[in-house]
């Protein structure tokens, strides 16, 4: 997959953060269960107040996904900024509830860029939720 991506926090002036990227993304299946997704990008436009964003978010993202059982899956996304010590990762666990057509998820994030406004600050968060898809 090849594409163009714009990300902005929608704020003006000093609070504004944005960037535009051209990216290439490919998924590989390694073995019967392990999937690896690589997304690489080149920045084509930076916001005035985040010109160093690639120092924190880099140019490549790697996601590894693995089913733990028939109903539970795990994925780990990692990103390394141009500065060696700027590493970010997100661990996601998801379980499918077939009896109600829903999903429960748990997500832990540690690193930079979870929110665009604070791309240059290291943050940690733990989230949990339930997802019920709406049928057409």
N, C-alpha and C. Protein backbone atom coordinates (compact mmCIF):
# COMPACT_ATOMS: atom_id res chain seq x y z
N UNK A 1 0.85 -1.16 0.00
CA UNK A 1 0.00 0.00 0.00
C UNK A 1 0.90 1.24 0.00
N UNK A 2 0.56 2.20 -0.80
CA UNK A 2 1.27 3.48 -0.85
C UNK A 2 0.23 4.56 -0.66
N UNK A 3 0.57 5.60 0.10
CA UNK A 3 -0.42 6.64 0.34
C UNK A 3 0.17 7.95 0.82
N UNK A 4 -0.71 8.89 1.01
CA UNK A 4 -0.39 10.22 1.51
C UNK A 4 -1.20 10.41 2.78
N UNK A 5 -0.56 10.90 3.83
CA UNK A 5 -1.23 11.01 5.11
C UNK A 5 -0.99 12.40 5.70
N UNK A 6 -2.06 13.03 6.14
CA UNK A 6 -1.97 14.32 6.84
C UNK A 6 -2.45 14.11 8.27
N UNK A 7 -1.69 14.62 9.21
CA UNK A 7 -2.09 14.54 10.61
C UNK A 7 -1.96 15.93 11.21
N UNK A 8 -3.01 16.35 11.90
CA UNK A 8 -3.03 17.67 12.52
C UNK A 8 -3.85 17.60 13.80
N UNK A 9 -3.51 18.46 14.75
CA UNK A 9 -4.30 18.50 15.97
C UNK A 9 -5.42 19.54 15.89
N UNK A 10 -5.49 20.28 14.79
CA UNK A 10 -6.59 21.21 14.57
C UNK A 10 -6.49 22.52 15.34
N UNK A 11 -5.38 22.75 16.02
CA UNK A 11 -5.23 23.99 16.78
C UNK A 11 -4.51 25.05 15.94
N UNK A 12 -4.60 26.29 16.37
CA UNK A 12 -3.96 27.40 15.68
C UNK A 12 -2.73 27.89 16.44
N UNK A 13 -1.90 28.61 15.76
CA UNK A 13 -0.75 29.34 16.29
C UNK A 13 0.17 28.44 17.12
N UNK A 14 0.52 28.83 18.35
CA UNK A 14 1.51 28.10 19.15
C UNK A 14 1.10 26.67 19.47
N UNK A 15 -0.19 26.39 19.50
CA UNK A 15 -0.67 25.05 19.79
C UNK A 15 -0.74 24.14 18.58
N UNK A 16 -0.50 24.68 17.39
CA UNK A 16 -0.64 23.92 16.15
C UNK A 16 0.48 22.89 15.98
N UNK A 17 0.09 21.67 15.62
CA UNK A 17 1.02 20.60 15.29
C UNK A 17 0.46 19.88 14.07
N UNK A 18 1.32 19.68 13.07
CA UNK A 18 0.86 18.95 11.88
C UNK A 18 2.06 18.42 11.10
N UNK A 19 1.78 17.40 10.30
CA UNK A 19 2.77 16.92 9.35
C UNK A 19 2.08 16.15 8.25
N UNK A 20 2.71 16.14 7.09
CA UNK A 20 2.22 15.42 5.92
C UNK A 20 3.30 14.42 5.53
N UNK A 21 2.86 13.19 5.21
CA UNK A 21 3.81 12.14 4.89
C UNK A 21 3.35 11.34 3.67
N UNK A 22 4.31 10.91 2.90
CA UNK A 22 4.09 9.90 1.86
C UNK A 22 4.62 8.61 2.46
N UNK A 23 3.82 7.55 2.39
CA UNK A 23 4.24 6.31 3.05
C UNK A 23 4.07 5.10 2.14
N UNK A 24 4.82 4.07 2.48
CA UNK A 24 4.67 2.75 1.87
C UNK A 24 4.49 1.78 3.04
N UNK A 25 3.54 0.86 2.87
CA UNK A 25 3.20 -0.06 3.96
C UNK A 25 3.04 -1.45 3.37
N UNK A 26 3.59 -2.44 4.08
CA UNK A 26 3.51 -3.82 3.61
C UNK A 26 3.34 -4.76 4.78
N UNK A 27 2.50 -5.76 4.60
CA UNK A 27 2.29 -6.76 5.64
C UNK A 27 2.86 -8.09 5.17
N UNK A 28 3.56 -8.77 6.08
CA UNK A 28 4.15 -10.06 5.80
C UNK A 28 3.61 -11.08 6.78
N UNK A 29 3.35 -12.26 6.31
CA UNK A 29 2.93 -13.35 7.18
C UNK A 29 4.14 -14.26 7.36
N UNK A 30 4.59 -14.36 8.62
CA UNK A 30 5.75 -15.19 8.94
C UNK A 30 5.26 -16.41 9.70
N UNK A 31 5.25 -17.53 9.07
CA UNK A 31 4.71 -18.72 9.68
C UNK A 31 3.20 -18.73 9.59
N UNK A 32 2.57 -19.60 10.38
CA UNK A 32 1.12 -19.73 10.32
C UNK A 32 0.39 -18.62 11.05
N UNK A 33 1.01 -18.02 12.07
CA UNK A 33 0.28 -17.07 12.91
C UNK A 33 0.86 -15.66 12.95
N UNK A 34 2.16 -15.53 12.92
CA UNK A 34 2.79 -14.22 13.11
C UNK A 34 2.67 -13.36 11.86
N UNK A 35 2.17 -12.14 12.06
CA UNK A 35 2.10 -11.15 10.98
C UNK A 35 2.94 -9.95 11.37
N UNK A 36 3.68 -9.42 10.40
CA UNK A 36 4.51 -8.24 10.61
C UNK A 36 4.11 -7.19 9.59
N UNK A 37 3.85 -5.98 10.07
CA UNK A 37 3.46 -4.87 9.22
C UNK A 37 4.54 -3.80 9.33
N UNK A 38 5.09 -3.39 8.20
CA UNK A 38 6.11 -2.34 8.17
C UNK A 38 5.54 -1.14 7.43
N UNK A 39 5.64 0.02 8.08
CA UNK A 39 5.19 1.26 7.46
C UNK A 39 6.36 2.24 7.52
N UNK A 40 6.82 2.68 6.35
CA UNK A 40 7.91 3.64 6.25
C UNK A 40 7.39 4.89 5.56
N UNK A 41 7.88 6.06 5.99
CA UNK A 41 7.38 7.30 5.42
C UNK A 41 8.48 8.32 5.22
N UNK A 42 8.16 9.27 4.36
CA UNK A 42 9.01 10.42 4.12
C UNK A 42 8.16 11.66 4.37
N UNK A 43 8.63 12.54 5.21
CA UNK A 43 7.88 13.75 5.54
C UNK A 43 7.99 14.73 4.38
N UNK A 44 6.85 15.26 3.94
CA UNK A 44 6.85 16.23 2.84
C UNK A 44 6.47 17.63 3.29
N UNK A 45 5.91 17.75 4.50
CA UNK A 45 5.54 19.07 5.01
C UNK A 45 5.44 18.98 6.52
N UNK A 46 6.05 19.95 7.21
CA UNK A 46 6.01 19.99 8.67
C UNK A 46 5.35 21.27 9.14
N UNK A 47 4.66 21.18 10.26
CA UNK A 47 4.09 22.37 10.88
C UNK A 47 5.21 23.25 11.43
N UNK A 48 4.92 24.51 11.56
CA UNK A 48 5.90 25.50 12.03
C UNK A 48 6.41 25.20 13.44
N UNK A 49 5.58 24.58 14.28
CA UNK A 49 5.93 24.37 15.68
C UNK A 49 6.33 22.93 16.02
N UNK A 50 6.57 22.11 14.99
CA UNK A 50 7.02 20.74 15.25
C UNK A 50 8.04 20.29 14.20
N UNK A 51 8.99 21.14 13.90
CA UNK A 51 9.98 20.84 12.86
C UNK A 51 10.91 19.69 13.24
N UNK A 52 10.99 19.32 14.51
CA UNK A 52 11.86 18.23 14.95
C UNK A 52 11.08 16.94 15.22
N UNK A 53 9.91 16.79 14.68
CA UNK A 53 9.04 15.66 15.01
C UNK A 53 9.67 14.31 14.65
N UNK A 54 10.46 14.26 13.58
CA UNK A 54 11.08 12.97 13.23
C UNK A 54 12.17 12.57 14.22
N UNK A 55 12.71 13.51 14.98
CA UNK A 55 13.64 13.14 16.05
C UNK A 55 12.95 12.26 17.08
N UNK A 56 11.64 12.42 17.23
CA UNK A 56 10.86 11.67 18.22
C UNK A 56 10.07 10.51 17.61
N UNK A 57 9.57 10.69 16.37
CA UNK A 57 8.70 9.68 15.76
C UNK A 57 9.33 8.94 14.59
N UNK A 58 10.50 9.36 14.15
CA UNK A 58 11.24 8.65 13.13
C UNK A 58 10.56 8.58 11.78
N UNK A 59 10.91 7.52 11.02
CA UNK A 59 10.39 7.33 9.67
C UNK A 59 9.87 5.92 9.43
N UNK A 60 9.86 5.07 10.46
CA UNK A 60 9.42 3.68 10.29
C UNK A 60 8.65 3.23 11.51
N UNK A 61 7.61 2.45 11.26
CA UNK A 61 6.82 1.83 12.33
C UNK A 61 6.70 0.35 12.01
N UNK A 62 6.88 -0.47 13.04
CA UNK A 62 6.84 -1.92 12.87
C UNK A 62 5.80 -2.49 13.83
N UNK A 63 4.84 -3.26 13.29
CA UNK A 63 3.80 -3.88 14.11
C UNK A 63 3.86 -5.39 13.93
N UNK A 64 3.92 -6.09 15.06
CA UNK A 64 3.90 -7.55 15.08
C UNK A 64 2.59 -7.99 15.69
N UNK A 65 1.86 -8.88 15.02
CA UNK A 65 0.56 -9.36 15.51
C UNK A 65 0.60 -10.88 15.62
N UNK A 66 -0.02 -11.37 16.70
CA UNK A 66 0.00 -12.81 16.95
C UNK A 66 -1.27 -13.22 17.69
N UNK A 67 -2.01 -14.20 17.16
CA UNK A 67 -3.17 -14.70 17.90
C UNK A 67 -2.72 -15.59 19.05
N UNK A 68 -3.21 -15.33 20.25
CA UNK A 68 -2.87 -16.14 21.42
C UNK A 68 -3.79 -17.34 21.57
N UNK A 69 -5.00 -17.21 21.01
CA UNK A 69 -5.97 -18.30 21.01
C UNK A 69 -6.97 -18.00 19.89
N UNK A 70 -8.07 -18.75 19.86
CA UNK A 70 -9.10 -18.49 18.84
C UNK A 70 -9.78 -17.15 19.04
N UNK A 71 -9.80 -16.64 20.26
CA UNK A 71 -10.53 -15.40 20.54
C UNK A 71 -9.66 -14.26 21.04
N UNK A 72 -8.39 -14.52 21.36
CA UNK A 72 -7.52 -13.47 21.91
C UNK A 72 -6.32 -13.25 20.99
N UNK A 73 -6.03 -11.98 20.71
CA UNK A 73 -4.86 -11.65 19.90
C UNK A 73 -4.06 -10.54 20.56
N UNK A 74 -2.78 -10.49 20.22
CA UNK A 74 -1.89 -9.47 20.76
C UNK A 74 -1.13 -8.83 19.61
N UNK A 75 -0.82 -7.55 19.76
CA UNK A 75 0.03 -6.88 18.78
C UNK A 75 0.94 -5.89 19.50
N UNK A 76 2.12 -5.72 18.95
CA UNK A 76 3.10 -4.80 19.49
C UNK A 76 3.58 -3.90 18.37
N UNK A 77 3.41 -2.59 18.55
CA UNK A 77 3.85 -1.61 17.58
C UNK A 77 5.04 -0.86 18.17
N UNK A 78 6.11 -0.74 17.40
CA UNK A 78 7.29 -0.01 17.85
C UNK A 78 7.67 1.05 16.83
N UNK A 79 8.21 2.13 17.33
CA UNK A 79 8.65 3.25 16.50
C UNK A 79 9.90 3.83 17.15
N UNK A 80 10.93 4.12 16.37
CA UNK A 80 12.15 4.71 16.90
C UNK A 80 12.40 6.04 16.22
N UNK A 81 12.53 7.08 17.03
CA UNK A 81 12.86 8.39 16.49
C UNK A 81 14.28 8.42 15.98
N UNK A 82 14.64 9.47 15.30
CA UNK A 82 16.00 9.60 14.78
C UNK A 82 17.03 9.64 15.90
N UNK A 83 16.62 10.11 17.06
CA UNK A 83 17.49 10.03 18.23
C UNK A 83 17.36 8.62 18.79
N UNK A 84 18.45 7.96 19.04
CA UNK A 84 18.43 6.56 19.46
C UNK A 84 17.58 6.30 20.69
N UNK A 85 17.58 7.21 21.65
CA UNK A 85 16.85 6.98 22.90
C UNK A 85 15.35 7.25 22.79
N UNK A 86 14.87 7.69 21.66
CA UNK A 86 13.45 8.02 21.49
C UNK A 86 12.69 6.83 20.91
N UNK A 87 12.40 5.86 21.76
CA UNK A 87 11.69 4.66 21.33
C UNK A 87 10.28 4.67 21.92
N UNK A 88 9.30 4.33 21.09
CA UNK A 88 7.90 4.28 21.52
C UNK A 88 7.35 2.89 21.20
N UNK A 89 6.46 2.42 22.06
CA UNK A 89 5.81 1.16 21.76
C UNK A 89 4.39 1.16 22.31
N UNK A 90 3.58 0.32 21.67
CA UNK A 90 2.19 0.15 22.09
C UNK A 90 1.88 -1.34 22.05
N UNK A 91 1.37 -1.85 23.16
CA UNK A 91 0.97 -3.25 23.27
C UNK A 91 -0.55 -3.29 23.34
N UNK A 92 -1.16 -4.06 22.44
CA UNK A 92 -2.61 -4.20 22.39
C UNK A 92 -3.01 -5.65 22.58
N UNK A 93 -4.00 -5.87 23.45
CA UNK A 93 -4.62 -7.18 23.61
C UNK A 93 -6.08 -7.03 23.26
N UNK A 94 -6.60 -7.99 22.52
CA UNK A 94 -8.00 -7.91 22.09
C UNK A 94 -8.63 -9.28 22.19
N UNK A 95 -9.84 -9.31 22.71
CA UNK A 95 -10.58 -10.57 22.75
C UNK A 95 -11.93 -10.37 22.06
N UNK A 96 -12.28 -11.33 21.25
CA UNK A 96 -13.55 -11.28 20.51
C UNK A 96 -14.63 -11.99 21.29
N UNK A 97 -15.76 -11.34 21.42
CA UNK A 97 -16.93 -11.93 22.07
C UNK A 97 -17.91 -12.32 20.98
N UNK A 98 -17.86 -13.54 20.56
CA UNK A 98 -18.73 -13.99 19.47
C UNK A 98 -20.20 -13.99 19.87
N UNK A 99 -20.49 -14.21 21.13
CA UNK A 99 -21.86 -14.30 21.60
C UNK A 99 -22.60 -12.96 21.54
N UNK A 100 -21.87 -11.82 21.47
CA UNK A 100 -22.54 -10.52 21.34
C UNK A 100 -21.98 -9.70 20.19
N UNK A 101 -21.14 -10.32 19.34
CA UNK A 101 -20.51 -9.62 18.23
C UNK A 101 -19.80 -8.35 18.71
N UNK A 102 -18.96 -8.51 19.70
CA UNK A 102 -18.21 -7.38 20.25
C UNK A 102 -16.79 -7.76 20.57
N UNK A 103 -16.02 -6.77 20.99
CA UNK A 103 -14.62 -6.98 21.33
C UNK A 103 -14.27 -6.19 22.59
N UNK A 104 -13.41 -6.76 23.40
CA UNK A 104 -12.83 -6.06 24.54
C UNK A 104 -11.37 -5.83 24.19
N UNK A 105 -10.85 -4.63 24.47
CA UNK A 105 -9.45 -4.38 24.19
C UNK A 105 -8.77 -3.71 25.37
N UNK A 106 -7.48 -3.96 25.47
CA UNK A 106 -6.62 -3.36 26.47
C UNK A 106 -5.39 -2.87 25.73
N UNK A 107 -5.00 -1.62 25.95
CA UNK A 107 -3.90 -1.02 25.22
C UNK A 107 -2.98 -0.27 26.17
N UNK A 108 -1.68 -0.51 26.05
CA UNK A 108 -0.68 0.20 26.85
C UNK A 108 0.27 0.91 25.90
N UNK A 109 0.50 2.19 26.14
CA UNK A 109 1.38 3.00 25.30
C UNK A 109 2.49 3.60 26.16
N UNK A 110 3.71 3.57 25.64
CA UNK A 110 4.86 4.16 26.33
C UNK A 110 5.77 4.77 25.26
N UNK A 111 5.87 6.09 25.26
CA UNK A 111 6.74 6.71 24.27
C UNK A 111 6.31 8.10 23.89
N UNK A 112 6.61 8.44 22.65
CA UNK A 112 6.40 9.79 22.12
C UNK A 112 5.33 9.77 21.04
N UNK A 113 4.60 10.87 20.93
CA UNK A 113 3.67 11.05 19.82
C UNK A 113 2.31 10.42 19.97
N UNK A 114 1.96 9.96 21.15
CA UNK A 114 0.61 9.42 21.30
C UNK A 114 -0.42 10.51 21.00
N UNK A 115 -0.15 11.72 21.48
CA UNK A 115 -0.94 12.89 21.13
C UNK A 115 -0.01 13.84 20.38
N UNK A 116 -0.47 14.39 19.28
CA UNK A 116 0.38 15.24 18.46
C UNK A 116 0.84 16.50 19.20
N UNK A 117 0.03 17.04 20.09
CA UNK A 117 0.40 18.25 20.82
C UNK A 117 1.62 18.01 21.70
N UNK A 118 1.78 16.78 22.18
CA UNK A 118 2.90 16.47 23.08
C UNK A 118 3.85 15.45 22.45
N UNK A 119 4.06 15.54 21.13
CA UNK A 119 4.89 14.58 20.42
C UNK A 119 6.30 14.47 21.00
N UNK A 120 6.80 15.54 21.62
CA UNK A 120 8.17 15.56 22.12
C UNK A 120 8.27 15.31 23.63
N UNK A 121 7.18 14.83 24.22
CA UNK A 121 7.16 14.48 25.64
C UNK A 121 6.85 13.00 25.77
N UNK A 122 7.61 12.31 26.61
CA UNK A 122 7.35 10.89 26.82
C UNK A 122 6.11 10.72 27.68
N UNK A 123 5.18 9.90 27.22
CA UNK A 123 3.94 9.67 27.96
C UNK A 123 3.72 8.16 28.09
N UNK A 124 2.90 7.83 29.07
CA UNK A 124 2.46 6.44 29.28
C UNK A 124 0.96 6.46 29.50
N UNK A 125 0.29 5.48 28.94
CA UNK A 125 -1.15 5.39 29.18
C UNK A 125 -1.61 3.95 29.09
N UNK A 126 -2.68 3.68 29.81
CA UNK A 126 -3.33 2.38 29.78
C UNK A 126 -4.80 2.63 29.47
N UNK A 127 -5.30 1.95 28.46
CA UNK A 127 -6.69 2.14 28.06
C UNK A 127 -7.36 0.78 27.96
N UNK A 128 -8.65 0.78 28.24
CA UNK A 128 -9.45 -0.42 28.08
C UNK A 128 -10.79 0.00 27.50
N UNK A 129 -11.41 -0.88 26.75
CA UNK A 129 -12.69 -0.52 26.18
C UNK A 129 -13.40 -1.70 25.56
N UNK A 130 -14.59 -1.41 25.10
CA UNK A 130 -15.44 -2.40 24.46
C UNK A 130 -15.86 -1.81 23.12
N UNK A 131 -15.87 -2.65 22.10
CA UNK A 131 -16.23 -2.21 20.76
C UNK A 131 -17.36 -3.10 20.25
N UNK A 132 -18.45 -2.47 19.83
CA UNK A 132 -19.57 -3.17 19.21
C UNK A 132 -19.78 -2.62 17.81
N UNK A 133 -19.44 -3.38 16.78
CA UNK A 133 -19.62 -2.87 15.42
C UNK A 133 -21.10 -2.69 15.08
N UNK A 134 -21.40 -1.67 14.31
CA UNK A 134 -22.77 -1.40 13.88
C UNK A 134 -22.94 -1.97 12.48
N UNK A 135 -23.95 -2.79 12.30
CA UNK A 135 -24.21 -3.41 11.01
C UNK A 135 -24.88 -2.41 10.08
N UNK A 136 -24.61 -2.54 8.78
CA UNK A 136 -25.24 -1.66 7.78
C UNK A 136 -26.66 -2.05 7.52
